[in-house]
Amino acid sequence: MDHASTDKVSSPTAFIRGEGQGERRWFFGGGVHVWKAKAEETGGAFMLFEDRMSGGKMTPLHTHPDSDESMFILEGEILMHIDGTEQRVGQGGLVVAPRGVPHAFMVTSPQARMLCLHTPGCCQAFYWDASVSLDPDTEDGPADNAGAVDFAGVVDFAGVVDFGKVQESARLNGGIEILGPPPFSTP
């Protein structure tokens, strides 16, 4: 089954994934996604991935027109800009950005990990096409980029962040509308 498509979804699948289990993908907006539940596994009800990021990572101001996004902070801290206000959110904190609400975040700690839940899982194609698979047998990144993974599994690839690829995936797949640059002053 095509991982990026939810067109063939019929019914949820029972499965269990432990700590660190799930396909690892380098997201061109920065960070490593560990896919915990794909839309085709949940009957399209949701998709869930762990996002492992380095300090300073910022997202552009954006919205998800057809899904609600919930972010649970596992480690570290982010500065969340949501619907025109900003608030720091640390370990154990939760952010809910309902569909259509403009939001962006910036990692303010040296590294951060969060669970990102989209309900329904309709924006999976965007994330899939805006990322590349990481070699599951090594701690290396994509073959054409040298990288190193620190103890938390956060990958620092020089030159790999490519917002052009993120924008192209948004244009082709929907699931996100990029409204503008990150609304934060540079760290």
N, C-alpha and C. Protein backbone atom coordinates (compact mmCIF):
# COMPACT_ATOMS: atom_id res chain seq x y z
N MET A 1 0.84 -1.18 0.00
CA MET A 1 0.00 0.00 0.00
C MET A 1 0.88 1.24 0.00
N ASP A 2 0.48 2.24 -0.76
CA ASP A 2 1.20 3.50 -0.81
C ASP A 2 1.06 4.20 0.54
N HIS A 3 2.20 4.43 1.21
CA HIS A 3 2.18 5.04 2.54
C HIS A 3 1.67 6.47 2.52
N ALA A 4 1.81 7.15 1.42
CA ALA A 4 1.42 8.56 1.37
C ALA A 4 -0.07 8.74 1.12
N SER A 5 -0.74 7.71 0.69
CA SER A 5 -2.14 7.84 0.33
C SER A 5 -3.04 7.20 1.36
N THR A 6 -4.17 7.85 1.61
CA THR A 6 -5.17 7.26 2.48
C THR A 6 -6.39 6.85 1.67
N ASP A 7 -6.30 6.90 0.33
CA ASP A 7 -7.43 6.57 -0.53
C ASP A 7 -7.86 5.11 -0.39
N LYS A 8 -6.95 4.22 -0.05
CA LYS A 8 -7.24 2.79 0.01
C LYS A 8 -7.58 2.32 1.42
N VAL A 9 -7.77 3.24 2.34
CA VAL A 9 -8.05 2.90 3.73
C VAL A 9 -9.42 2.26 3.83
N SER A 10 -9.49 1.13 4.53
CA SER A 10 -10.79 0.49 4.70
C SER A 10 -11.15 0.35 6.18
N SER A 11 -10.27 -0.23 6.96
CA SER A 11 -10.56 -0.40 8.38
C SER A 11 -9.26 -0.35 9.17
N PRO A 12 -9.35 0.02 10.45
CA PRO A 12 -8.14 0.09 11.28
C PRO A 12 -7.48 -1.28 11.44
N THR A 13 -6.18 -1.25 11.71
CA THR A 13 -5.37 -2.44 11.94
C THR A 13 -4.89 -2.43 13.39
N ALA A 14 -4.93 -3.57 14.04
CA ALA A 14 -4.38 -3.66 15.40
C ALA A 14 -2.86 -3.76 15.29
N PHE A 15 -2.14 -2.99 16.10
CA PHE A 15 -0.68 -3.06 16.11
C PHE A 15 -0.15 -2.49 17.41
N ILE A 16 1.11 -2.80 17.70
CA ILE A 16 1.82 -2.28 18.87
C ILE A 16 3.19 -1.82 18.40
N ARG A 17 3.59 -0.64 18.82
CA ARG A 17 4.95 -0.14 18.56
C ARG A 17 5.52 0.33 19.89
N GLY A 18 6.73 -0.12 20.18
CA GLY A 18 7.41 0.26 21.40
C GLY A 18 8.23 1.52 21.25
N GLU A 19 8.89 1.89 22.34
CA GLU A 19 9.78 3.05 22.36
C GLU A 19 10.79 2.95 21.21
N GLY A 20 10.89 4.00 20.43
CA GLY A 20 11.85 4.05 19.33
C GLY A 20 11.42 3.28 18.10
N GLN A 21 10.33 2.55 18.15
CA GLN A 21 9.88 1.79 16.98
C GLN A 21 9.01 2.66 16.08
N GLY A 22 9.12 2.41 14.80
CA GLY A 22 8.39 3.15 13.78
C GLY A 22 9.37 3.62 12.72
N GLU A 23 8.87 3.81 11.53
CA GLU A 23 9.73 4.26 10.44
C GLU A 23 10.28 5.65 10.75
N ARG A 24 11.59 5.81 10.52
CA ARG A 24 12.26 7.10 10.76
C ARG A 24 12.43 7.82 9.43
N ARG A 25 12.02 9.12 9.42
CA ARG A 25 12.12 9.92 8.21
C ARG A 25 12.68 11.30 8.55
N TRP A 26 13.60 11.80 7.72
CA TRP A 26 14.11 13.16 7.86
C TRP A 26 13.10 14.09 7.19
N PHE A 27 12.56 15.04 7.96
CA PHE A 27 11.60 16.01 7.45
C PHE A 27 12.39 17.22 6.96
N PHE A 28 12.13 17.65 5.73
CA PHE A 28 12.90 18.74 5.14
C PHE A 28 12.69 20.09 5.83
N GLY A 29 11.69 20.19 6.70
CA GLY A 29 11.52 21.39 7.51
C GLY A 29 12.39 21.35 8.76
N GLY A 30 13.12 20.25 8.96
CA GLY A 30 14.00 20.07 10.11
C GLY A 30 13.43 19.02 11.06
N GLY A 31 14.26 18.10 11.49
CA GLY A 31 13.85 17.10 12.48
C GLY A 31 13.65 15.71 11.91
N VAL A 32 13.65 14.75 12.81
CA VAL A 32 13.41 13.35 12.47
C VAL A 32 12.02 12.97 12.96
N HIS A 33 11.23 12.42 12.06
CA HIS A 33 9.91 11.90 12.41
C HIS A 33 10.03 10.39 12.61
N VAL A 34 9.49 9.90 13.70
CA VAL A 34 9.36 8.47 13.93
C VAL A 34 7.87 8.18 13.86
N TRP A 35 7.45 7.52 12.79
CA TRP A 35 6.03 7.31 12.52
C TRP A 35 5.50 6.20 13.42
N LYS A 36 4.62 6.59 14.32
CA LYS A 36 4.03 5.65 15.28
C LYS A 36 2.74 5.03 14.77
N ALA A 37 1.92 5.78 14.04
CA ALA A 37 0.68 5.27 13.46
C ALA A 37 0.40 6.01 12.16
N LYS A 38 0.31 5.27 11.08
CA LYS A 38 0.01 5.86 9.77
C LYS A 38 -1.50 5.85 9.54
N ALA A 39 -1.95 6.76 8.71
CA ALA A 39 -3.39 6.89 8.46
C ALA A 39 -4.00 5.58 7.96
N GLU A 40 -3.27 4.85 7.12
CA GLU A 40 -3.84 3.59 6.60
C GLU A 40 -3.97 2.54 7.69
N GLU A 41 -3.23 2.69 8.78
CA GLU A 41 -3.32 1.74 9.90
C GLU A 41 -4.48 2.07 10.84
N THR A 42 -4.98 3.31 10.76
CA THR A 42 -6.03 3.76 11.68
C THR A 42 -7.37 3.96 10.97
N GLY A 43 -7.49 3.43 9.76
CA GLY A 43 -8.71 3.65 9.00
C GLY A 43 -8.90 5.11 8.63
N GLY A 44 -7.81 5.88 8.61
CA GLY A 44 -7.85 7.29 8.27
C GLY A 44 -8.24 8.20 9.44
N ALA A 45 -8.52 7.61 10.60
CA ALA A 45 -8.97 8.40 11.75
C ALA A 45 -7.90 9.37 12.24
N PHE A 46 -6.63 8.95 12.23
CA PHE A 46 -5.55 9.81 12.68
C PHE A 46 -4.22 9.32 12.15
N MET A 47 -3.21 10.16 12.30
CA MET A 47 -1.81 9.78 12.10
C MET A 47 -1.05 10.35 13.28
N LEU A 48 0.03 9.66 13.70
CA LEU A 48 0.79 10.05 14.88
C LEU A 48 2.27 9.82 14.62
N PHE A 49 3.08 10.85 14.86
CA PHE A 49 4.52 10.66 14.76
C PHE A 49 5.21 11.40 15.89
N GLU A 50 6.38 10.88 16.28
CA GLU A 50 7.25 11.56 17.22
C GLU A 50 8.17 12.45 16.40
N ASP A 51 8.32 13.69 16.82
CA ASP A 51 9.17 14.65 16.12
C ASP A 51 10.37 14.95 17.02
N ARG A 52 11.59 14.66 16.55
CA ARG A 52 12.83 14.90 17.29
C ARG A 52 13.55 16.05 16.62
N MET A 53 13.77 17.14 17.36
CA MET A 53 14.25 18.38 16.74
C MET A 53 15.40 19.00 17.52
N SER A 54 16.23 19.73 16.81
CA SER A 54 17.32 20.49 17.42
C SER A 54 16.84 21.89 17.76
N GLY A 55 17.53 22.51 18.73
CA GLY A 55 17.21 23.87 19.14
C GLY A 55 17.27 24.83 17.97
N GLY A 56 16.34 25.79 17.97
CA GLY A 56 16.30 26.79 16.92
C GLY A 56 15.39 26.45 15.75
N LYS A 57 14.96 25.19 15.65
CA LYS A 57 14.06 24.82 14.56
C LYS A 57 12.79 25.68 14.66
N MET A 58 12.37 26.22 13.52
CA MET A 58 11.15 27.02 13.46
C MET A 58 10.29 26.53 12.31
N THR A 59 8.99 26.62 12.49
CA THR A 59 8.08 26.34 11.40
C THR A 59 7.55 27.67 10.86
N PRO A 60 7.18 27.69 9.59
CA PRO A 60 6.54 28.89 9.09
C PRO A 60 5.14 29.01 9.70
N LEU A 61 4.55 30.17 9.64
CA LEU A 61 3.16 30.33 10.07
C LEU A 61 2.30 29.55 9.08
N HIS A 62 1.47 28.67 9.59
CA HIS A 62 0.70 27.79 8.72
C HIS A 62 -0.61 27.37 9.39
N THR A 63 -1.43 26.70 8.62
CA THR A 63 -2.66 26.13 9.13
C THR A 63 -2.89 24.79 8.45
N HIS A 64 -3.65 23.95 9.09
CA HIS A 64 -4.07 22.68 8.50
C HIS A 64 -5.58 22.80 8.30
N PRO A 65 -6.03 22.98 7.06
CA PRO A 65 -7.44 23.26 6.82
C PRO A 65 -8.39 22.10 7.09
N ASP A 66 -7.88 20.87 7.04
CA ASP A 66 -8.76 19.71 7.15
C ASP A 66 -8.44 18.78 8.32
N SER A 67 -7.52 19.17 9.19
CA SER A 67 -7.20 18.32 10.35
C SER A 67 -6.87 19.17 11.56
N ASP A 68 -7.15 18.62 12.71
CA ASP A 68 -6.76 19.23 13.98
C ASP A 68 -5.38 18.68 14.33
N GLU A 69 -4.49 19.54 14.82
CA GLU A 69 -3.13 19.12 15.18
C GLU A 69 -2.95 19.27 16.68
N SER A 70 -2.55 18.19 17.34
CA SER A 70 -2.25 18.21 18.77
C SER A 70 -0.79 17.84 18.94
N MET A 71 -0.08 18.60 19.79
CA MET A 71 1.34 18.38 20.04
C MET A 71 1.56 18.21 21.54
N PHE A 72 2.08 17.05 21.93
CA PHE A 72 2.38 16.76 23.32
C PHE A 72 3.89 16.76 23.48
N ILE A 73 4.41 17.63 24.33
CA ILE A 73 5.86 17.79 24.49
C ILE A 73 6.40 16.69 25.42
N LEU A 74 7.26 15.85 24.88
CA LEU A 74 7.88 14.76 25.63
C LEU A 74 9.16 15.21 26.34
N GLU A 75 9.88 16.13 25.70
CA GLU A 75 11.18 16.58 26.22
C GLU A 75 11.47 17.95 25.62
N GLY A 76 12.08 18.83 26.41
CA GLY A 76 12.48 20.13 25.91
C GLY A 76 11.37 21.16 26.02
N GLU A 77 11.53 22.23 25.21
CA GLU A 77 10.57 23.34 25.27
C GLU A 77 10.43 23.96 23.89
N ILE A 78 9.21 24.39 23.58
CA ILE A 78 8.95 25.15 22.36
C ILE A 78 8.28 26.46 22.72
N LEU A 79 8.42 27.43 21.84
CA LEU A 79 7.65 28.66 21.92
C LEU A 79 6.57 28.51 20.87
N MET A 80 5.31 28.49 21.31
CA MET A 80 4.18 28.26 20.41
C MET A 80 3.50 29.58 20.09
N HIS A 81 3.35 29.85 18.82
CA HIS A 81 2.60 31.00 18.33
C HIS A 81 1.29 30.41 17.79
N ILE A 82 0.17 30.75 18.41
CA ILE A 82 -1.11 30.19 17.97
C ILE A 82 -2.17 31.28 18.00
N ASP A 83 -2.78 31.48 16.85
CA ASP A 83 -3.86 32.45 16.71
C ASP A 83 -3.47 33.83 17.25
N GLY A 84 -2.20 34.23 16.98
CA GLY A 84 -1.73 35.57 17.33
C GLY A 84 -1.12 35.73 18.71
N THR A 85 -1.08 34.68 19.53
CA THR A 85 -0.47 34.77 20.85
C THR A 85 0.70 33.79 20.95
N GLU A 86 1.62 34.07 21.89
CA GLU A 86 2.78 33.19 22.08
C GLU A 86 2.83 32.70 23.51
N GLN A 87 3.24 31.44 23.67
CA GLN A 87 3.40 30.87 25.00
C GLN A 87 4.46 29.77 24.94
N ARG A 88 5.28 29.70 25.99
CA ARG A 88 6.26 28.63 26.11
C ARG A 88 5.55 27.37 26.61
N VAL A 89 5.92 26.23 26.01
CA VAL A 89 5.31 24.95 26.39
C VAL A 89 6.45 23.96 26.62
N GLY A 90 6.53 23.42 27.83
CA GLY A 90 7.59 22.50 28.18
C GLY A 90 7.10 21.07 28.33
N GLN A 91 8.00 20.23 28.82
CA GLN A 91 7.74 18.80 28.98
C GLN A 91 6.41 18.57 29.69
N GLY A 92 5.59 17.69 29.12
CA GLY A 92 4.28 17.38 29.67
C GLY A 92 3.18 18.32 29.21
N GLY A 93 3.54 19.36 28.45
CA GLY A 93 2.56 20.33 27.96
C GLY A 93 1.90 19.86 26.68
N LEU A 94 0.73 20.39 26.43
CA LEU A 94 -0.07 20.03 25.26
C LEU A 94 -0.51 21.29 24.54
N VAL A 95 -0.43 21.24 23.20
CA VAL A 95 -0.94 22.31 22.34
C VAL A 95 -1.97 21.68 21.41
N VAL A 96 -3.11 22.32 21.27
CA VAL A 96 -4.12 21.87 20.31
C VAL A 96 -4.39 23.02 19.36
N ALA A 97 -4.14 22.78 18.08
CA ALA A 97 -4.40 23.77 17.03
C ALA A 97 -5.52 23.22 16.15
N PRO A 98 -6.77 23.65 16.39
CA PRO A 98 -7.87 23.17 15.58
C PRO A 98 -7.69 23.53 14.11
N ARG A 99 -8.31 22.76 13.24
CA ARG A 99 -8.19 23.03 11.80
C ARG A 99 -8.51 24.50 11.51
N GLY A 100 -7.69 25.06 10.64
CA GLY A 100 -7.89 26.44 10.23
C GLY A 100 -7.27 27.50 11.12
N VAL A 101 -6.73 27.13 12.29
CA VAL A 101 -6.15 28.12 13.21
C VAL A 101 -4.67 28.30 12.88
N PRO A 102 -4.24 29.53 12.56
CA PRO A 102 -2.83 29.78 12.23
C PRO A 102 -1.92 29.50 13.43
N HIS A 103 -0.80 28.81 13.16
CA HIS A 103 0.14 28.51 14.23
C HIS A 103 1.54 28.27 13.67
N ALA A 104 2.52 28.32 14.57
CA ALA A 104 3.93 28.05 14.26
C ALA A 104 4.62 27.79 15.59
N PHE A 105 5.77 27.12 15.54
CA PHE A 105 6.53 26.95 16.78
C PHE A 105 8.01 27.05 16.52
N MET A 106 8.75 27.31 17.61
CA MET A 106 10.21 27.38 17.57
C MET A 106 10.73 26.58 18.77
N VAL A 107 11.72 25.72 18.55
CA VAL A 107 12.34 24.96 19.63
C VAL A 107 13.28 25.90 20.38
N THR A 108 13.05 26.09 21.69
CA THR A 108 13.85 27.01 22.49
C THR A 108 14.86 26.30 23.37
N SER A 109 14.76 25.00 23.52
CA SER A 109 15.73 24.21 24.29
C SER A 109 16.76 23.63 23.31
N PRO A 110 17.88 23.07 23.81
CA PRO A 110 18.88 22.51 22.91
C PRO A 110 18.33 21.42 21.99
N GLN A 111 17.33 20.71 22.46
CA GLN A 111 16.64 19.71 21.64
C GLN A 111 15.24 19.54 22.21
N ALA A 112 14.37 18.96 21.41
CA ALA A 112 13.01 18.73 21.87
C ALA A 112 12.45 17.49 21.17
N ARG A 113 11.54 16.85 21.86
CA ARG A 113 10.80 15.72 21.29
C ARG A 113 9.32 15.95 21.59
N MET A 114 8.49 15.70 20.58
CA MET A 114 7.06 15.81 20.82
C MET A 114 6.31 14.80 19.98
N LEU A 115 5.13 14.43 20.47
CA LEU A 115 4.22 13.61 19.69
C LEU A 115 3.31 14.56 18.93
N CYS A 116 3.14 14.31 17.66
CA CYS A 116 2.30 15.14 16.80
C CYS A 116 1.16 14.26 16.27
N LEU A 117 -0.06 14.63 16.63
CA LEU A 117 -1.26 13.87 16.26
C LEU A 117 -2.11 14.72 15.33
N HIS A 118 -2.46 14.16 14.17
CA HIS A 118 -3.38 14.81 13.25
C HIS A 118 -4.65 13.99 13.18
N THR A 119 -5.79 14.66 13.42
CA THR A 119 -7.09 13.99 13.32
C THR A 119 -7.97 14.79 12.36
N PRO A 120 -8.47 14.17 11.31
CA PRO A 120 -8.11 12.85 10.82
C PRO A 120 -6.71 12.84 10.21
N GLY A 121 -6.31 11.70 9.69
CA GLY A 121 -4.96 11.53 9.15
C GLY A 121 -4.80 11.98 7.72
N CYS A 122 -5.61 12.93 7.28
CA CYS A 122 -5.67 13.33 5.87
C CYS A 122 -4.45 14.10 5.37
N CYS A 123 -3.58 14.60 6.24
CA CYS A 123 -2.43 15.37 5.75
C CYS A 123 -1.15 14.52 5.70
N GLN A 124 -1.30 13.21 5.79
CA GLN A 124 -0.13 12.32 5.76
C GLN A 124 0.68 12.47 4.48
N ALA A 125 0.02 12.62 3.34
CA ALA A 125 0.75 12.73 2.06
C ALA A 125 1.69 13.93 2.08
N PHE A 126 1.28 15.03 2.71
CA PHE A 126 2.16 16.20 2.81
C PHE A 126 3.45 15.84 3.54
N TYR A 127 3.33 15.26 4.75
CA TYR A 127 4.52 14.93 5.53
C TYR A 127 5.38 13.89 4.82
N TRP A 128 4.76 12.92 4.19
CA TRP A 128 5.49 11.85 3.51
C TRP A 128 6.35 12.41 2.38
N ASP A 129 5.74 13.25 1.53
CA ASP A 129 6.49 13.78 0.39
C ASP A 129 7.46 14.89 0.77
N ALA A 130 7.35 15.43 1.98
CA ALA A 130 8.27 16.46 2.46
C ALA A 130 9.35 15.85 3.34
N SER A 131 9.57 14.52 3.19
CA SER A 131 10.57 13.83 4.01
C SER A 131 11.19 12.69 3.21
N VAL A 132 12.29 12.17 3.73
CA VAL A 132 12.94 11.00 3.13
C VAL A 132 13.23 9.99 4.23
N SER A 133 13.21 8.74 3.84
CA SER A 133 13.46 7.66 4.79
C SER A 133 14.90 7.69 5.27
N LEU A 134 15.10 7.43 6.56
CA LEU A 134 16.44 7.27 7.12
C LEU A 134 16.75 5.79 7.17
N ASP A 135 17.99 5.44 6.94
CA ASP A 135 18.41 4.04 6.93
C ASP A 135 18.14 3.42 8.30
N PRO A 136 17.27 2.40 8.37
CA PRO A 136 16.94 1.81 9.67
C PRO A 136 18.07 1.00 10.30
N ASP A 137 19.09 0.66 9.51
CA ASP A 137 20.17 -0.19 10.02
C ASP A 137 21.36 0.59 10.55
N THR A 138 21.36 1.90 10.32
CA THR A 138 22.50 2.71 10.78
C THR A 138 21.96 3.98 11.41
N GLU A 139 22.84 4.76 11.93
CA GLU A 139 22.47 6.07 12.48
C GLU A 139 22.74 7.17 11.46
N ASP A 140 22.89 6.79 10.19
CA ASP A 140 23.14 7.78 9.15
C ASP A 140 21.84 8.25 8.55
N GLY A 141 21.91 9.40 7.91
CA GLY A 141 20.75 9.95 7.24
C GLY A 141 20.70 9.52 5.80
N PRO A 142 20.01 10.30 4.97
CA PRO A 142 19.92 9.99 3.56
C PRO A 142 21.31 9.86 2.94
N ALA A 143 21.43 8.99 1.95
CA ALA A 143 22.73 8.66 1.37
C ALA A 143 23.48 9.87 0.84
N ASP A 144 22.76 10.90 0.38
CA ASP A 144 23.45 12.04 -0.20
C ASP A 144 23.79 13.13 0.82
N ASN A 145 23.61 12.85 2.10
CA ASN A 145 23.90 13.86 3.13
C ASN A 145 24.65 13.21 4.30
N ALA A 146 25.72 13.83 4.71
CA ALA A 146 26.43 13.34 5.89
C ALA A 146 25.73 13.89 7.12
N GLY A 147 25.57 13.06 8.13
CA GLY A 147 24.89 13.53 9.33
C GLY A 147 25.34 12.75 10.54
N ALA A 148 24.98 13.23 11.70
CA ALA A 148 25.30 12.55 12.94
C ALA A 148 24.07 12.59 13.82
N VAL A 149 23.83 11.54 14.55
CA VAL A 149 22.69 11.47 15.45
C VAL A 149 23.22 11.53 16.87
N ASP A 150 22.68 12.45 17.68
CA ASP A 150 23.14 12.52 19.06
C ASP A 150 22.37 11.52 19.92
N PHE A 151 22.58 11.55 21.22
CA PHE A 151 22.01 10.55 22.11
C PHE A 151 20.49 10.51 22.07
N ALA A 152 19.83 11.60 21.71
CA ALA A 152 18.37 11.63 21.68
C ALA A 152 17.82 11.31 20.30
N GLY A 153 18.70 11.01 19.36
CA GLY A 153 18.23 10.69 18.02
C GLY A 153 17.91 11.90 17.18
N VAL A 154 18.34 13.09 17.61
CA VAL A 154 18.11 14.29 16.81
C VAL A 154 19.21 14.37 15.78
N VAL A 155 18.84 14.56 14.55
CA VAL A 155 19.82 14.58 13.47
C VAL A 155 20.13 16.02 13.08
N ASP A 156 21.41 16.32 12.97
CA ASP A 156 21.84 17.61 12.45
C ASP A 156 22.49 17.36 11.09
N PHE A 157 21.79 17.70 10.02
CA PHE A 157 22.34 17.60 8.68
C PHE A 157 22.58 19.00 8.18
N ALA A 158 23.82 19.32 7.89
CA ALA A 158 24.12 20.64 7.33
C ALA A 158 23.51 20.73 5.94
N GLY A 159 22.69 21.74 5.73
CA GLY A 159 22.14 21.99 4.41
C GLY A 159 20.95 21.14 4.02
N VAL A 160 20.43 20.29 4.91
CA VAL A 160 19.34 19.42 4.53
C VAL A 160 17.98 20.11 4.65
N VAL A 161 17.84 21.07 5.56
CA VAL A 161 16.56 21.77 5.66
C VAL A 161 16.29 22.45 4.32
N ASP A 162 15.15 22.13 3.72
CA ASP A 162 14.84 22.61 2.38
C ASP A 162 13.36 22.98 2.33
N PHE A 163 13.06 24.25 2.63
CA PHE A 163 11.66 24.68 2.65
C PHE A 163 11.05 24.66 1.26
N GLY A 164 11.86 24.68 0.22
CA GLY A 164 11.34 24.54 -1.14
C GLY A 164 10.65 23.20 -1.31
N LYS A 165 11.25 22.13 -0.77
CA LYS A 165 10.63 20.80 -0.85
C LYS A 165 9.36 20.74 0.00
N VAL A 166 9.37 21.42 1.14
CA VAL A 166 8.18 21.47 1.99
C VAL A 166 7.05 22.20 1.25
N GLN A 167 7.36 23.34 0.65
CA GLN A 167 6.35 24.10 -0.09
C GLN A 167 5.82 23.32 -1.29
N GLU A 168 6.69 22.61 -1.98
CA GLU A 168 6.26 21.82 -3.14
C GLU A 168 5.33 20.69 -2.70
N SER A 169 5.64 20.03 -1.59
CA SER A 169 4.77 18.98 -1.08
C SER A 169 3.41 19.56 -0.67
N ALA A 170 3.41 20.74 -0.08
CA ALA A 170 2.14 21.40 0.29
C ALA A 170 1.32 21.69 -0.95
N ARG A 171 1.97 22.17 -1.99
CA ARG A 171 1.27 22.49 -3.24
C ARG A 171 0.68 21.23 -3.88
N LEU A 172 1.45 20.14 -3.90
CA LEU A 172 1.02 18.91 -4.55
C LEU A 172 0.00 18.11 -3.74
N ASN A 173 0.15 18.11 -2.42
CA ASN A 173 -0.62 17.19 -1.58
C ASN A 173 -1.68 17.84 -0.70
N GLY A 174 -1.63 19.16 -0.54
CA GLY A 174 -2.56 19.80 0.40
C GLY A 174 -2.21 19.39 1.81
N GLY A 175 -3.17 19.50 2.71
CA GLY A 175 -2.94 19.14 4.10
C GLY A 175 -2.38 20.26 4.95
N ILE A 176 -1.84 21.28 4.30
CA ILE A 176 -1.25 22.42 5.01
C ILE A 176 -1.33 23.63 4.09
N GLU A 177 -1.54 24.79 4.69
CA GLU A 177 -1.43 26.05 3.96
C GLU A 177 -0.38 26.88 4.65
N ILE A 178 0.69 27.21 3.94
CA ILE A 178 1.75 28.03 4.51
C ILE A 178 1.34 29.49 4.31
N LEU A 179 1.21 30.20 5.44
CA LEU A 179 0.69 31.56 5.43
C LEU A 179 1.78 32.62 5.39
N GLY A 180 3.00 32.26 5.83
CA GLY A 180 4.08 33.24 5.86
C GLY A 180 5.29 32.69 6.57
N PRO A 181 6.30 33.52 6.73
CA PRO A 181 7.54 33.08 7.39
C PRO A 181 7.28 32.85 8.89
N PRO A 182 8.26 32.25 9.58
CA PRO A 182 8.12 32.09 11.04
C PRO A 182 7.88 33.46 11.68
N PRO A 183 6.95 33.54 12.61
CA PRO A 183 6.62 34.84 13.24
C PRO A 183 7.52 35.20 14.42
N PHE A 184 8.69 34.55 14.53
CA PHE A 184 9.58 34.75 15.68
C PHE A 184 10.78 35.58 15.26
N SER A 185 11.34 36.33 16.21
CA SER A 185 12.62 36.98 15.94
C SER A 185 13.68 35.88 16.00
N THR A 186 14.77 36.04 15.27
CA THR A 186 15.78 34.99 15.23
C THR A 186 16.38 34.78 16.61
N PRO A 187 16.64 33.48 16.95
CA PRO A 187 17.15 33.17 18.31
C PRO A 187 18.54 33.70 18.56
